[in-house]
Amino acid sequence: MFDSMNVSSSALTMQRLRMDVASSNIANADTTRAELVNGEWQPYQRKMVVQQSQSFSSHLNRAKEQLNEGVVATGIVNDQTPSSLIYDPTHPDANDLGYVAKPNVDIAREMVDMTSATRSYEANVTALQASKNMLMKSLEIGR
């Protein structure tokens, strides 16, 4: 009875996590000292949310078992895209040649991800409201 609400609430949690990660990426778009590795500062690496994909047969088996869990985040991983080098000899993190390793964060990509997460969040709120309205109507019928 509450399966649709559980699925919508898990999707809401997933979209909020996506928005949090995109916000963190935007906030650290200029961070050149994110992690100290072997005595050298490394620039911030873009983070990505990994969602669990399931085959149709696994969905079918879950439906048979009535274990609708919705969407699951399996982790947050670093984007392995290499950092870009910008020539700025006045920067305190510039190497001997005057180049600074900048984070691999693309603000436009982050804004697209954030807009996508926002739209998905809104769609799930609408689905949750529809489920709630159906349950309320069912209760009214039972009176």
Foldseek 3Di string as FASTA:
>chain_A
DCLLVQQLVVLLVVLVVLLVLLVVLVVQQFAQADDQDPNAGHGDFRKDWAKDDDDPVVVVVCVVVVNRNHIDTPDIDGDPDFFDWDAAQVDPRADPNRIGGTYPRDNVVSVVSNVVSVVSNVVSVVSNVVVVVVVVVVVVVVD
